[in-house]
Amino acid sequence: MPQTKYRIYELSARTLMSYAREENGVYTFQLNRTATDHCKIPGAKHEQDDCAMFFQLMCQLRGDRYRERAEDTCITDLADVIFYMDFSGIFDRSGARKKYRIRQEKAKALFRPEGTYMLFIDCANWLAAHGMTLDELLKMGWDVGVVWQDGRPFHGPTHIRMNLALPRSRVEEAFRRLDTYVFNA
């Protein structure tokens, strides 16, 4: 069976923070290719094993028709999209000293979440407990107006993908319908 690896770099947060610029109390980071290369941790394992999340990201980048290659390969497409960050020496230190407090403020500036947009729900236990197939569960959701996706094409044999990139009221209504008419019917 072919083995797929993904090139995902590990970056040093301490090195990255040397590129932070403070303006009006807000830190920003602007890295070019050379600066990014400088932040890569030498000797770190930059090739990661295949997993459902990486496959889903590739489907987002390349479209739902994306398929893994038939031969051993290392896919580099995600290297410009995601990375691992080593925060050692930052959050494991007391912020009492000014040097560490500034590092922690800079590190916090790296996180500006704008929301999660996709759930990948493993329904294996629920399906087994209710003697149901994934196809039957998917149909029950669709029958009450919940638009969700079969997770099997994304390496989730008992999974459902659910998009959350919509107004909160619509997400709440979908969950209410699933609770009332599907999972607790």
N, C-alpha and C. Protein backbone atom coordinates (compact mmCIF):
# COMPACT_ATOMS: atom_id res chain seq x y z
N MET A 1 0.84 -1.18 0.00
CA MET A 1 0.00 0.00 0.00
C MET A 1 0.89 1.24 0.00
N PRO A 2 0.61 2.19 -0.88
CA PRO A 2 1.45 3.40 -0.96
C PRO A 2 1.34 4.23 0.33
N GLN A 3 2.44 4.87 0.66
CA GLN A 3 2.47 5.70 1.86
C GLN A 3 2.56 7.17 1.45
N THR A 4 1.62 7.94 1.96
CA THR A 4 1.60 9.38 1.69
C THR A 4 2.11 10.12 2.91
N LYS A 5 3.00 11.04 2.69
CA LYS A 5 3.50 11.94 3.74
C LYS A 5 3.19 13.36 3.29
N TYR A 6 3.11 14.24 4.26
CA TYR A 6 2.86 15.65 3.98
C TYR A 6 4.00 16.47 4.56
N ARG A 7 4.49 17.42 3.77
CA ARG A 7 5.51 18.32 4.26
C ARG A 7 4.82 19.41 5.07
N ILE A 8 5.02 19.36 6.38
CA ILE A 8 4.48 20.35 7.31
C ILE A 8 5.66 20.79 8.17
N TYR A 9 6.07 22.03 8.03
CA TYR A 9 7.26 22.50 8.75
C TYR A 9 6.95 22.80 10.21
N GLU A 10 7.96 22.63 11.04
CA GLU A 10 7.86 23.05 12.43
C GLU A 10 8.68 24.32 12.58
N LEU A 11 8.03 25.35 13.09
CA LEU A 11 8.67 26.65 13.23
C LEU A 11 8.92 26.96 14.71
N SER A 12 9.96 27.72 14.96
CA SER A 12 10.27 28.16 16.31
C SER A 12 9.53 29.47 16.59
N ALA A 13 8.68 29.45 17.60
CA ALA A 13 7.94 30.67 17.96
C ALA A 13 8.91 31.75 18.44
N ARG A 14 9.95 31.35 19.15
CA ARG A 14 10.92 32.34 19.64
C ARG A 14 11.60 33.05 18.48
N THR A 15 11.97 32.31 17.44
CA THR A 15 12.59 32.93 16.27
C THR A 15 11.58 33.80 15.54
N LEU A 16 10.38 33.28 15.38
CA LEU A 16 9.33 34.03 14.70
C LEU A 16 9.08 35.37 15.37
N MET A 17 9.12 35.39 16.70
CA MET A 17 8.83 36.63 17.43
C MET A 17 9.87 37.70 17.23
N SER A 18 11.04 37.32 16.77
CA SER A 18 12.05 38.34 16.47
C SER A 18 11.61 39.20 15.28
N TYR A 19 10.60 38.73 14.54
CA TYR A 19 10.07 39.47 13.40
C TYR A 19 8.82 40.28 13.76
N ALA A 20 8.42 40.24 15.02
CA ALA A 20 7.20 40.96 15.45
C ALA A 20 7.44 42.46 15.44
N ARG A 21 6.44 43.18 15.00
CA ARG A 21 6.47 44.64 15.03
C ARG A 21 5.27 45.12 15.82
N GLU A 22 5.51 46.02 16.79
CA GLU A 22 4.45 46.51 17.64
C GLU A 22 3.99 47.88 17.16
N GLU A 23 2.69 48.02 17.02
CA GLU A 23 2.11 49.31 16.64
C GLU A 23 0.79 49.48 17.39
N ASN A 24 0.72 50.53 18.18
CA ASN A 24 -0.47 50.83 18.98
C ASN A 24 -0.86 49.65 19.87
N GLY A 25 0.12 48.99 20.46
CA GLY A 25 -0.14 47.89 21.37
C GLY A 25 -0.50 46.57 20.72
N VAL A 26 -0.42 46.50 19.38
CA VAL A 26 -0.75 45.27 18.66
C VAL A 26 0.49 44.79 17.92
N TYR A 27 0.81 43.52 18.08
CA TYR A 27 1.95 42.94 17.38
C TYR A 27 1.49 42.33 16.05
N THR A 28 2.26 42.56 15.03
CA THR A 28 2.01 41.95 13.72
C THR A 28 3.28 41.25 13.26
N PHE A 29 3.11 40.30 12.36
CA PHE A 29 4.22 39.51 11.85
C PHE A 29 4.16 39.51 10.33
N GLN A 30 5.21 39.96 9.69
CA GLN A 30 5.27 39.92 8.24
C GLN A 30 6.54 39.20 7.85
N LEU A 31 6.36 38.01 7.32
CA LEU A 31 7.50 37.17 6.96
C LEU A 31 7.58 36.97 5.46
N ASN A 32 8.77 37.09 4.93
CA ASN A 32 8.98 36.70 3.54
C ASN A 32 9.55 35.28 3.55
N ARG A 33 9.88 34.74 2.41
CA ARG A 33 10.37 33.36 2.31
C ARG A 33 11.65 33.16 3.13
N THR A 34 12.58 34.12 3.07
CA THR A 34 13.84 34.00 3.79
C THR A 34 13.61 33.98 5.30
N ALA A 35 12.75 34.87 5.79
CA ALA A 35 12.46 34.91 7.22
C ALA A 35 11.77 33.62 7.68
N THR A 36 10.86 33.11 6.86
CA THR A 36 10.17 31.86 7.20
C THR A 36 11.17 30.72 7.26
N ASP A 37 12.07 30.65 6.29
CA ASP A 37 13.10 29.60 6.30
C ASP A 37 13.96 29.69 7.56
N HIS A 38 14.23 30.91 7.99
CA HIS A 38 15.02 31.12 9.21
C HIS A 38 14.29 30.61 10.45
N CYS A 39 12.96 30.60 10.44
CA CYS A 39 12.16 30.15 11.58
C CYS A 39 12.01 28.64 11.65
N LYS A 40 12.33 27.93 10.56
CA LYS A 40 12.21 26.47 10.55
C LYS A 40 13.22 25.86 11.52
N ILE A 41 12.78 24.91 12.31
CA ILE A 41 13.65 24.27 13.29
C ILE A 41 14.54 23.25 12.59
N PRO A 42 15.85 23.47 12.64
CA PRO A 42 16.77 22.51 11.99
C PRO A 42 16.65 21.14 12.64
N GLY A 43 16.64 20.11 11.85
CA GLY A 43 16.58 18.75 12.36
C GLY A 43 15.20 18.27 12.77
N ALA A 44 14.19 19.12 12.69
CA ALA A 44 12.83 18.70 13.05
C ALA A 44 12.27 17.79 11.97
N LYS A 45 11.35 16.92 12.37
CA LYS A 45 10.68 16.04 11.41
C LYS A 45 9.67 16.87 10.63
N HIS A 46 9.98 17.19 9.40
CA HIS A 46 9.11 18.05 8.61
C HIS A 46 8.17 17.25 7.70
N GLU A 47 8.22 15.93 7.77
CA GLU A 47 7.30 15.10 6.99
C GLU A 47 6.38 14.38 7.95
N GLN A 48 5.07 14.62 7.81
CA GLN A 48 4.08 14.05 8.70
C GLN A 48 3.29 12.95 8.00
N ASP A 49 2.87 11.95 8.78
CA ASP A 49 2.07 10.86 8.23
C ASP A 49 0.70 11.37 7.80
N ASP A 50 0.12 10.65 6.86
CA ASP A 50 -1.22 10.97 6.36
C ASP A 50 -2.23 10.92 7.50
N CYS A 51 -3.21 11.80 7.45
CA CYS A 51 -4.31 11.78 8.40
C CYS A 51 -5.52 12.43 7.74
N ALA A 52 -6.68 12.24 8.35
CA ALA A 52 -7.93 12.75 7.77
C ALA A 52 -7.90 14.27 7.60
N MET A 53 -7.32 14.98 8.58
CA MET A 53 -7.29 16.44 8.49
C MET A 53 -6.50 16.90 7.26
N PHE A 54 -5.32 16.30 7.04
CA PHE A 54 -4.51 16.70 5.89
C PHE A 54 -5.25 16.40 4.59
N PHE A 55 -5.89 15.24 4.53
CA PHE A 55 -6.64 14.88 3.33
C PHE A 55 -7.77 15.88 3.09
N GLN A 56 -8.49 16.27 4.15
CA GLN A 56 -9.57 17.24 3.99
C GLN A 56 -9.04 18.59 3.52
N LEU A 57 -7.90 19.00 4.04
CA LEU A 57 -7.31 20.26 3.59
C LEU A 57 -6.95 20.21 2.11
N MET A 58 -6.43 19.07 1.68
CA MET A 58 -6.11 18.93 0.26
C MET A 58 -7.37 18.99 -0.58
N CYS A 59 -8.46 18.42 -0.08
CA CYS A 59 -9.74 18.50 -0.80
C CYS A 59 -10.21 19.95 -0.89
N GLN A 60 -9.96 20.74 0.16
CA GLN A 60 -10.33 22.15 0.12
C GLN A 60 -9.46 22.90 -0.89
N LEU A 61 -8.17 22.57 -0.94
CA LEU A 61 -7.25 23.24 -1.86
C LEU A 61 -7.46 22.82 -3.31
N ARG A 62 -7.68 21.52 -3.52
CA ARG A 62 -7.72 20.97 -4.87
C ARG A 62 -9.11 20.57 -5.35
N GLY A 63 -10.10 20.67 -4.47
CA GLY A 63 -11.46 20.29 -4.86
C GLY A 63 -11.81 18.90 -4.35
N ASP A 64 -13.10 18.62 -4.26
CA ASP A 64 -13.57 17.36 -3.71
C ASP A 64 -13.18 16.14 -4.54
N ARG A 65 -12.72 16.36 -5.76
CA ARG A 65 -12.30 15.22 -6.59
C ARG A 65 -10.84 14.83 -6.33
N TYR A 66 -10.20 15.50 -5.39
CA TYR A 66 -8.80 15.19 -5.07
C TYR A 66 -8.67 13.73 -4.62
N ARG A 67 -7.67 13.06 -5.11
CA ARG A 67 -7.36 11.68 -4.73
C ARG A 67 -5.87 11.58 -4.44
N GLU A 68 -5.52 10.75 -3.47
CA GLU A 68 -4.11 10.54 -3.17
C GLU A 68 -3.45 9.77 -4.31
N ARG A 69 -2.16 9.94 -4.42
CA ARG A 69 -1.41 9.27 -5.48
C ARG A 69 -1.26 7.78 -5.19
N ALA A 70 -1.06 7.01 -6.23
CA ALA A 70 -0.97 5.56 -6.11
C ALA A 70 0.42 5.09 -5.68
N GLU A 71 1.40 5.99 -5.64
CA GLU A 71 2.75 5.59 -5.26
C GLU A 71 3.17 6.36 -4.00
N ASP A 72 4.25 5.88 -3.34
CA ASP A 72 4.77 6.60 -2.18
C ASP A 72 5.12 8.02 -2.60
N THR A 73 4.72 8.97 -1.78
CA THR A 73 4.95 10.36 -2.16
C THR A 73 4.96 11.27 -0.94
N CYS A 74 5.57 12.42 -1.10
CA CYS A 74 5.52 13.47 -0.08
C CYS A 74 4.86 14.68 -0.72
N ILE A 75 3.72 15.05 -0.21
CA ILE A 75 2.94 16.16 -0.76
C ILE A 75 3.38 17.45 -0.08
N THR A 76 3.72 18.45 -0.87
CA THR A 76 4.24 19.70 -0.33
C THR A 76 3.21 20.83 -0.34
N ASP A 77 2.02 20.59 -0.88
CA ASP A 77 1.02 21.64 -1.05
C ASP A 77 0.63 22.34 0.25
N LEU A 78 0.64 21.62 1.37
CA LEU A 78 0.19 22.20 2.63
C LEU A 78 1.27 23.01 3.33
N ALA A 79 2.51 22.90 2.89
CA ALA A 79 3.62 23.59 3.55
C ALA A 79 3.44 25.11 3.56
N ASP A 80 2.71 25.63 2.61
CA ASP A 80 2.46 27.08 2.58
C ASP A 80 1.17 27.46 3.30
N VAL A 81 0.45 26.47 3.80
CA VAL A 81 -0.87 26.73 4.40
C VAL A 81 -0.87 26.50 5.91
N ILE A 82 -0.25 25.41 6.36
CA ILE A 82 -0.22 25.11 7.79
C ILE A 82 1.19 24.77 8.23
N PHE A 83 1.42 24.83 9.54
CA PHE A 83 2.71 24.51 10.12
C PHE A 83 2.51 24.16 11.58
N TYR A 84 3.50 23.52 12.16
CA TYR A 84 3.53 23.28 13.60
C TYR A 84 4.37 24.38 14.22
N MET A 85 4.01 24.79 15.45
CA MET A 85 4.76 25.85 16.11
C MET A 85 5.27 25.33 17.45
N ASP A 86 6.56 25.48 17.69
CA ASP A 86 7.17 25.09 18.95
C ASP A 86 7.18 26.30 19.88
N PHE A 87 6.38 26.23 20.95
CA PHE A 87 6.27 27.35 21.89
C PHE A 87 7.11 27.15 23.14
N SER A 88 8.06 26.21 23.12
CA SER A 88 8.86 26.00 24.33
C SER A 88 9.65 27.28 24.65
N GLY A 89 9.73 27.55 25.93
CA GLY A 89 10.42 28.75 26.39
C GLY A 89 9.55 29.99 26.36
N ILE A 90 8.26 29.83 26.11
CA ILE A 90 7.36 30.99 26.06
C ILE A 90 6.26 30.85 27.11
N PHE A 91 5.36 29.91 26.91
CA PHE A 91 4.23 29.76 27.83
C PHE A 91 4.59 28.91 29.04
N ASP A 92 5.76 28.26 29.01
CA ASP A 92 6.18 27.45 30.15
C ASP A 92 7.07 28.27 31.10
N ARG A 93 7.06 29.57 30.95
CA ARG A 93 7.83 30.47 31.82
C ARG A 93 6.88 31.44 32.52
N SER A 94 7.28 31.92 33.66
CA SER A 94 6.47 32.90 34.38
C SER A 94 6.54 34.23 33.64
N GLY A 95 5.40 34.89 33.57
CA GLY A 95 5.35 36.19 32.91
C GLY A 95 5.76 37.33 33.83
N ALA A 96 6.30 36.99 35.00
CA ALA A 96 6.71 38.02 35.95
C ALA A 96 7.87 38.85 35.41
N ARG A 97 8.80 38.21 34.71
CA ARG A 97 9.92 38.96 34.12
C ARG A 97 9.46 39.61 32.83
N LYS A 98 9.86 40.83 32.61
CA LYS A 98 9.43 41.59 31.44
C LYS A 98 9.74 40.87 30.14
N LYS A 99 10.90 40.27 30.03
CA LYS A 99 11.32 39.57 28.81
C LYS A 99 10.32 38.46 28.45
N TYR A 100 9.91 37.68 29.45
CA TYR A 100 8.98 36.58 29.19
C TYR A 100 7.56 37.08 28.96
N ARG A 101 7.19 38.15 29.68
CA ARG A 101 5.86 38.73 29.49
C ARG A 101 5.71 39.25 28.06
N ILE A 102 6.72 39.90 27.53
CA ILE A 102 6.68 40.41 26.15
C ILE A 102 6.61 39.25 25.17
N ARG A 103 7.40 38.18 25.40
CA ARG A 103 7.31 37.00 24.53
C ARG A 103 5.89 36.44 24.52
N GLN A 104 5.28 36.36 25.70
CA GLN A 104 3.93 35.81 25.79
C GLN A 104 2.92 36.70 25.07
N GLU A 105 3.07 38.02 25.18
CA GLU A 105 2.17 38.94 24.46
C GLU A 105 2.32 38.78 22.95
N LYS A 106 3.55 38.64 22.49
CA LYS A 106 3.78 38.44 21.06
C LYS A 106 3.19 37.11 20.60
N ALA A 107 3.38 36.06 21.40
CA ALA A 107 2.84 34.75 21.04
C ALA A 107 1.32 34.78 20.97
N LYS A 108 0.68 35.45 21.90
CA LYS A 108 -0.79 35.55 21.88
C LYS A 108 -1.27 36.28 20.64
N ALA A 109 -0.45 37.20 20.13
CA ALA A 109 -0.84 37.94 18.92
C ALA A 109 -0.87 37.03 17.69
N LEU A 110 -0.21 35.88 17.78
CA LEU A 110 -0.24 34.93 16.66
C LEU A 110 -1.61 34.30 16.49
N PHE A 111 -2.42 34.32 17.56
CA PHE A 111 -3.72 33.65 17.53
C PHE A 111 -4.83 34.68 17.37
N ARG A 112 -5.37 34.73 16.20
CA ARG A 112 -6.52 35.59 15.93
C ARG A 112 -7.59 34.74 15.28
N PRO A 113 -8.20 33.82 16.06
CA PRO A 113 -9.17 32.91 15.45
C PRO A 113 -10.37 33.65 14.92
N GLU A 114 -10.79 33.25 13.74
CA GLU A 114 -11.97 33.83 13.14
C GLU A 114 -13.09 32.82 13.10
N GLY A 115 -12.86 31.65 13.70
CA GLY A 115 -13.90 30.66 13.80
C GLY A 115 -13.55 29.34 13.14
N THR A 116 -14.22 28.33 13.61
CA THR A 116 -14.11 27.01 13.02
C THR A 116 -15.21 26.88 12.00
N TYR A 117 -14.93 26.28 10.87
CA TYR A 117 -15.98 26.23 9.87
C TYR A 117 -16.39 24.82 9.48
N MET A 118 -15.71 23.80 9.97
CA MET A 118 -16.07 22.44 9.56
C MET A 118 -15.94 21.48 10.74
N LEU A 119 -16.97 20.69 10.96
CA LEU A 119 -16.91 19.60 11.94
C LEU A 119 -16.69 18.30 11.18
N PHE A 120 -15.93 17.41 11.78
CA PHE A 120 -15.72 16.08 11.23
C PHE A 120 -16.12 15.12 12.35
N ILE A 121 -17.37 14.71 12.34
CA ILE A 121 -17.98 14.01 13.46
C ILE A 121 -17.86 12.49 13.28
N ASP A 122 -17.24 11.82 14.25
CA ASP A 122 -17.14 10.37 14.22
C ASP A 122 -18.39 9.80 14.89
N CYS A 123 -19.22 9.11 14.13
CA CYS A 123 -20.50 8.57 14.60
C CYS A 123 -20.44 7.07 14.89
N ALA A 124 -19.24 6.48 14.94
CA ALA A 124 -19.10 5.03 15.09
C ALA A 124 -19.86 4.49 16.29
N ASN A 125 -19.66 5.09 17.46
CA ASN A 125 -20.32 4.59 18.67
C ASN A 125 -21.83 4.74 18.59
N TRP A 126 -22.31 5.87 18.10
CA TRP A 126 -23.76 6.09 18.00
C TRP A 126 -24.38 5.11 17.02
N LEU A 127 -23.73 4.91 15.88
CA LEU A 127 -24.25 3.98 14.88
C LEU A 127 -24.32 2.56 15.45
N ALA A 128 -23.29 2.13 16.15
CA ALA A 128 -23.28 0.79 16.74
C ALA A 128 -24.37 0.65 17.80
N ALA A 129 -24.51 1.67 18.63
CA ALA A 129 -25.51 1.61 19.71
C ALA A 129 -26.93 1.60 19.18
N HIS A 130 -27.14 2.16 17.99
CA HIS A 130 -28.49 2.25 17.43
C HIS A 130 -28.72 1.30 16.26
N GLY A 131 -27.72 0.45 15.98
CA GLY A 131 -27.87 -0.54 14.91
C GLY A 131 -28.20 0.09 13.57
N MET A 132 -27.52 1.17 13.26
CA MET A 132 -27.83 1.94 12.06
C MET A 132 -26.60 2.06 11.18
N THR A 133 -26.80 2.29 9.90
CA THR A 133 -25.68 2.54 8.98
C THR A 133 -25.47 4.04 8.83
N LEU A 134 -24.32 4.40 8.34
CA LEU A 134 -24.03 5.81 8.10
C LEU A 134 -25.00 6.37 7.07
N ASP A 135 -25.31 5.61 6.04
CA ASP A 135 -26.25 6.07 5.01
C ASP A 135 -27.62 6.38 5.61
N GLU A 136 -28.07 5.55 6.53
CA GLU A 136 -29.37 5.79 7.18
C GLU A 136 -29.33 7.07 8.02
N LEU A 137 -28.24 7.26 8.75
CA LEU A 137 -28.10 8.47 9.57
C LEU A 137 -28.05 9.72 8.69
N LEU A 138 -27.27 9.66 7.62
CA LEU A 138 -27.19 10.80 6.70
C LEU A 138 -28.58 11.16 6.16
N LYS A 139 -29.35 10.16 5.78
CA LYS A 139 -30.68 10.39 5.23
C LYS A 139 -31.60 11.03 6.27
N MET A 140 -31.49 10.58 7.52
CA MET A 140 -32.34 11.16 8.58
C MET A 140 -32.08 12.66 8.72
N GLY A 141 -30.81 13.06 8.65
CA GLY A 141 -30.48 14.48 8.74
C GLY A 141 -31.02 15.25 7.55
N TRP A 142 -30.79 14.72 6.36
CA TRP A 142 -31.29 15.38 5.15
C TRP A 142 -32.82 15.50 5.17
N ASP A 143 -33.49 14.47 5.70
CA ASP A 143 -34.96 14.48 5.74
C ASP A 143 -35.52 15.60 6.61
N VAL A 144 -34.73 16.09 7.57
CA VAL A 144 -35.22 17.19 8.42
C VAL A 144 -34.53 18.51 8.05
N GLY A 145 -33.92 18.54 6.86
CA GLY A 145 -33.37 19.79 6.34
C GLY A 145 -31.97 20.14 6.79
N VAL A 146 -31.21 19.17 7.31
CA VAL A 146 -29.83 19.43 7.71
C VAL A 146 -28.92 18.97 6.58
N VAL A 147 -28.19 19.91 6.02
CA VAL A 147 -27.29 19.60 4.92
C VAL A 147 -25.93 19.25 5.51
N TRP A 148 -25.58 17.97 5.41
CA TRP A 148 -24.28 17.50 5.86
C TRP A 148 -23.73 16.52 4.86
N GLN A 149 -22.46 16.15 5.00
CA GLN A 149 -21.79 15.35 3.98
C GLN A 149 -21.28 14.04 4.54
N ASP A 150 -21.28 13.04 3.70
CA ASP A 150 -20.69 11.75 4.00
C ASP A 150 -19.18 11.94 4.19
N GLY A 151 -18.63 11.43 5.27
CA GLY A 151 -17.20 11.59 5.55
C GLY A 151 -16.32 10.53 4.92
N ARG A 152 -16.91 9.50 4.34
CA ARG A 152 -16.10 8.41 3.77
C ARG A 152 -15.12 8.87 2.69
N PRO A 153 -15.52 9.78 1.80
CA PRO A 153 -14.53 10.23 0.80
C PRO A 153 -13.35 10.99 1.41
N PHE A 154 -13.45 11.33 2.70
CA PHE A 154 -12.41 12.11 3.38
C PHE A 154 -11.73 11.28 4.47
N HIS A 155 -11.68 9.96 4.27
CA HIS A 155 -11.01 9.01 5.16
C HIS A 155 -11.70 8.86 6.51
N GLY A 156 -12.99 9.11 6.58
CA GLY A 156 -13.75 8.92 7.80
C GLY A 156 -14.83 7.87 7.57
N PRO A 157 -14.56 6.60 7.82
CA PRO A 157 -15.51 5.54 7.48
C PRO A 157 -16.84 5.64 8.20
N THR A 158 -16.86 6.29 9.36
CA THR A 158 -18.12 6.46 10.10
C THR A 158 -18.33 7.94 10.45
N HIS A 159 -17.82 8.80 9.59
CA HIS A 159 -17.83 10.23 9.89
C HIS A 159 -18.82 11.00 9.01
N ILE A 160 -19.20 12.15 9.55
CA ILE A 160 -20.03 13.11 8.81
C ILE A 160 -19.31 14.45 8.85
N ARG A 161 -19.27 15.14 7.71
CA ARG A 161 -18.74 16.52 7.65
C ARG A 161 -19.89 17.48 7.72
N MET A 162 -19.73 18.49 8.55
CA MET A 162 -20.79 19.49 8.71
C MET A 162 -20.17 20.88 8.67
N ASN A 163 -20.66 21.69 7.76
CA ASN A 163 -20.15 23.03 7.56
C ASN A 163 -20.76 23.98 8.59
N LEU A 164 -19.92 24.78 9.24
CA LEU A 164 -20.39 25.75 10.22
C LEU A 164 -20.23 27.19 9.73
N ALA A 165 -19.87 27.37 8.49
CA ALA A 165 -19.64 28.71 7.96
C ALA A 165 -20.96 29.33 7.54
N LEU A 166 -21.82 29.54 8.50
CA LEU A 166 -23.12 30.18 8.26
C LEU A 166 -23.54 30.92 9.51
N PRO A 167 -24.58 31.70 9.42
CA PRO A 167 -25.01 32.46 10.60
C PRO A 167 -25.30 31.53 11.79
N ARG A 168 -24.99 32.03 12.96
CA ARG A 168 -25.17 31.25 14.19
C ARG A 168 -26.59 30.71 14.31
N SER A 169 -27.58 31.49 13.96
CA SER A 169 -28.98 31.05 14.08
C SER A 169 -29.25 29.80 13.24
N ARG A 170 -28.62 29.71 12.07
CA ARG A 170 -28.82 28.54 11.21
C ARG A 170 -28.12 27.31 11.79
N VAL A 171 -26.94 27.50 12.37
CA VAL A 171 -26.23 26.39 13.01
C VAL A 171 -27.05 25.89 14.21
N GLU A 172 -27.56 26.82 15.02
CA GLU A 172 -28.37 26.44 16.18
C GLU A 172 -29.62 25.69 15.74
N GLU A 173 -30.26 26.13 14.68
CA GLU A 173 -31.45 25.45 14.18
C GLU A 173 -31.11 24.04 13.69
N ALA A 174 -29.99 23.89 13.01
CA ALA A 174 -29.57 22.56 12.54
C ALA A 174 -29.34 21.64 13.73
N PHE A 175 -28.65 22.13 14.75
CA PHE A 175 -28.41 21.30 15.94
C PHE A 175 -29.71 20.96 16.65
N ARG A 176 -30.65 21.90 16.71
CA ARG A 176 -31.94 21.62 17.34
C ARG A 176 -32.66 20.51 16.59
N ARG A 177 -32.66 20.58 15.26
CA ARG A 177 -33.31 19.54 14.46
C ARG A 177 -32.64 18.19 14.64
N LEU A 178 -31.31 18.18 14.65
CA LEU A 178 -30.59 16.92 14.85
C LEU A 178 -30.89 16.32 16.22
N ASP A 179 -30.93 17.18 17.23
CA ASP A 179 -31.23 16.71 18.58
C ASP A 179 -32.65 16.16 18.68
N THR A 180 -33.60 16.89 18.14
CA THR A 180 -35.02 16.51 18.27
C THR A 180 -35.43 15.38 17.35
N TYR A 181 -35.01 15.42 16.08
CA TYR A 181 -35.53 14.48 15.08
C TYR A 181 -34.58 13.36 14.66
N VAL A 182 -33.31 13.47 15.03
CA VAL A 182 -32.35 12.46 14.57
C VAL A 182 -31.75 11.71 15.75
N PHE A 183 -30.90 12.37 16.54
CA PHE A 183 -30.16 11.67 17.58
C PHE A 183 -31.00 11.28 18.78
N ASN A 184 -32.04 12.01 19.09
CA ASN A 184 -32.88 11.69 20.25
C ASN A 184 -34.33 11.47 19.86
N ALA A 185 -34.57 11.05 18.65
CA ALA A 185 -35.96 10.85 18.18
C ALA A 185 -36.59 9.64 18.85
